[in-house]
């Protein structure tokens, strides 16, 4: 594998490279712990993103788009037109 990253400890190390170092040192427990940590962090980020999107939905749902407004206005005009024709 090729990693484009520095290998200065605590400065430019990336976690996938650290996993490879752990595996080269036969530290399977350490490599697994780093992998599980990366997995947990990614799931937490996905959960937070989904919660933020779900929380912003009511704000977006309150506004009508221009096409919805135009269709609504046309339907109202049609109803008014049929009501005035029926009255005369």
C-alpha atoms as a PDB file:
ATOM      1  CA  UNK A   1       0.000   0.000   0.000  1.00  0.00           C
ATOM      2  CA  UNK A   2       1.039   3.555  -0.633  1.00  0.00           C
ATOM      3  CA  UNK A   3       0.200   6.287   1.861  1.00  0.00           C
ATOM      4  CA  UNK A   4       0.805   9.934   1.106  1.00  0.00           C
ATOM      5  CA  UNK A   5       1.463  11.244   4.586  1.00  0.00           C
ATOM      6  CA  UNK A   6       4.220  12.270   6.873  1.00  0.00           C
ATOM      7  CA  UNK A   7       5.434  10.002   9.603  1.00  0.00           C
ATOM      8  CA  UNK A   8       6.434  12.509  12.237  1.00  0.00           C
ATOM      9  CA  UNK A   9       4.962  11.160  15.496  1.00  0.00           C
ATOM     10  CA  UNK A  10       2.091  13.255  16.865  1.00  0.00           C
ATOM     11  CA  UNK A  11       2.435  15.743  13.985  1.00  0.00           C
ATOM     12  CA  UNK A  12       1.786  14.283  10.557  1.00  0.00           C
ATOM     13  CA  UNK A  13       0.760  10.689  11.264  1.00  0.00           C
ATOM     14  CA  UNK A  14      -2.552   9.500   9.878  1.00  0.00           C
ATOM     15  CA  UNK A  15      -4.517   6.663  11.436  1.00  0.00           C
ATOM     16  CA  UNK A  16      -4.341   4.246   8.475  1.00  0.00           C
ATOM     17  CA  UNK A  17      -0.551   4.610   8.511  1.00  0.00           C
ATOM     18  CA  UNK A  18      -0.511   4.052  12.260  1.00  0.00           C
ATOM     19  CA  UNK A  19      -2.532   0.867  11.742  1.00  0.00           C
ATOM     20  CA  UNK A  20       0.066  -0.344   9.218  1.00  0.00           C
ATOM     21  CA  UNK A  21       2.873   0.429  11.688  1.00  0.00           C
ATOM     22  CA  UNK A  22       1.041  -1.513  14.396  1.00  0.00           C
ATOM     23  CA  UNK A  23       0.578  -4.468  12.039  1.00  0.00           C
ATOM     24  CA  UNK A  24       4.272  -4.391  11.084  1.00  0.00           C
ATOM     25  CA  UNK A  25       5.092  -4.590  14.780  1.00  0.00           C
ATOM     26  CA  UNK A  26       2.665  -7.541  15.156  1.00  0.00           C
ATOM     27  CA  UNK A  27       0.536  -5.436  17.497  1.00  0.00           C
ATOM     28  CA  UNK A  28      -2.794  -6.761  16.245  1.00  0.00           C
ATOM     29  CA  UNK A  29      -4.658  -5.591  19.334  1.00  0.00           C
ATOM     30  CA  UNK A  30      -3.455  -2.013  18.867  1.00  0.00           C
ATOM     31  CA  UNK A  31      -4.281  -2.047  15.150  1.00  0.00           C
ATOM     32  CA  UNK A  32      -7.740  -3.412  15.887  1.00  0.00           C
ATOM     33  CA  UNK A  33      -8.325  -0.779  18.576  1.00  0.00           C
ATOM     34  CA  UNK A  34      -7.431   2.029  16.151  1.00  0.00           C
ATOM     35  CA  UNK A  35      -9.697   0.520  13.481  1.00  0.00           C
ATOM     36  CA  UNK A  36     -12.608   0.198  15.893  1.00  0.00           C
ATOM     37  CA  UNK A  37     -12.042   3.771  17.072  1.00  0.00           C
ATOM     38  CA  UNK A  38     -12.173   5.001  13.462  1.00  0.00           C
ATOM     39  CA  UNK A  39     -15.386   3.033  12.905  1.00  0.00           C
ATOM     40  CA  UNK A  40     -17.078   4.401  16.027  1.00  0.00           C
ATOM     41  CA  UNK A  41     -16.114   7.985  15.176  1.00  0.00           C
ATOM     42  CA  UNK A  42     -17.468   7.585  11.638  1.00  0.00           C
ATOM     43  CA  UNK A  43     -20.792   6.205  12.923  1.00  0.00           C
ATOM     44  CA  UNK A  44     -21.101   9.071  15.407  1.00  0.00           C
ATOM     45  CA  UNK A  45     -20.450  11.603  12.636  1.00  0.00           C
ATOM     46  CA  UNK A  46     -23.062   9.958  10.407  1.00  0.00           C
ATOM     47  CA  UNK A  47     -25.570  10.022  13.257  1.00  0.00           C
ATOM     48  CA  UNK A  48     -24.901  13.701  13.955  1.00  0.00           C
ATOM     49  CA  UNK A  49     -25.222  14.603  10.277  1.00  0.00           C
ATOM     50  CA  UNK A  50     -28.530  12.727  10.027  1.00  0.00           C
ATOM     51  CA  UNK A  51     -29.849  14.408  13.177  1.00  0.00           C
ATOM     52  CA  UNK A  52     -28.881  17.836  11.853  1.00  0.00           C
ATOM     53  CA  UNK A  53     -30.580  17.124   8.524  1.00  0.00           C
ATOM     54  CA  UNK A  54     -33.707  15.865  10.264  1.00  0.00           C
ATOM     55  CA  UNK A  55     -33.774  18.939  12.521  1.00  0.00           C
ATOM     56  CA  UNK A  56     -33.510  21.279   9.527  1.00  0.00           C
ATOM     57  CA  UNK A  57     -36.362  19.580   7.598  1.00  0.00           C
ATOM     58  CA  UNK A  58     -39.221  21.438   9.390  1.00  0.00           C
ATOM     59  CA  UNK A  59     -37.569  24.732   8.521  1.00  0.00           C
ATOM     60  CA  UNK A  60     -37.432  23.838   4.832  1.00  0.00           C
ATOM     61  CA  UNK A  61     -40.905  22.309   4.831  1.00  0.00           C
ATOM     62  CA  UNK A  62     -42.534  25.553   5.960  1.00  0.00           C
ATOM     63  CA  UNK A  63     -41.532  27.410   2.825  1.00  0.00           C
ATOM     64  CA  UNK A  64     -43.293  26.746  -0.460  1.00  0.00           C
ATOM     65  CA  UNK A  65     -41.430  26.747  -3.731  1.00  0.00           C
ATOM     66  CA  UNK A  66     -42.514  29.102  -6.504  1.00  0.00           C
ATOM     67  CA  UNK A  67     -43.913  26.210  -8.576  1.00  0.00           C
ATOM     68  CA  UNK A  68     -46.043  25.104  -5.623  1.00  0.00           C
ATOM     69  CA  UNK A  69     -47.281  28.666  -5.139  1.00  0.00           C
ATOM     70  CA  UNK A  70     -48.109  28.994  -8.856  1.00  0.00           C
ATOM     71  CA  UNK A  71     -50.020  25.700  -8.871  1.00  0.00           C
ATOM     72  CA  UNK A  72     -51.894  26.723  -5.734  1.00  0.00           C
ATOM     73  CA  UNK A  73     -52.802  30.116  -7.214  1.00  0.00           C
ATOM     74  CA  UNK A  74     -54.016  28.478 -10.436  1.00  0.00           C
ATOM     75  CA  UNK A  75     -56.180  26.026  -8.473  1.00  0.00           C
ATOM     76  CA  UNK A  76     -57.678  28.865  -6.428  1.00  0.00           C
ATOM     77  CA  UNK A  77     -58.412  30.876  -9.577  1.00  0.00           C
ATOM     78  CA  UNK A  78     -60.084  27.864 -11.184  1.00  0.00           C
ATOM     79  CA  UNK A  79     -62.249  27.356  -8.118  1.00  0.00           C
ATOM     80  CA  UNK A  80     -63.238  31.030  -8.055  1.00  0.00           C
ATOM     81  CA  UNK A  81     -64.058  30.915 -11.744  1.00  0.00           C
ATOM     82  CA  UNK A  82     -66.303  27.871 -11.408  1.00  0.00           C
ATOM     83  CA  UNK A  83     -68.014  29.393  -8.361  1.00  0.00           C
ATOM     84  CA  UNK A  84     -68.836  32.641 -10.206  1.00  0.00           C
ATOM     85  CA  UNK A  85     -70.117  30.766 -13.277  1.00  0.00           C
ATOM     86  CA  UNK A  86     -72.365  28.640 -11.114  1.00  0.00           C
ATOM     87  CA  UNK A  87     -73.815  31.731  -9.362  1.00  0.00           C
ATOM     88  CA  UNK A  88     -74.847  33.525 -12.584  1.00  0.00           C
END
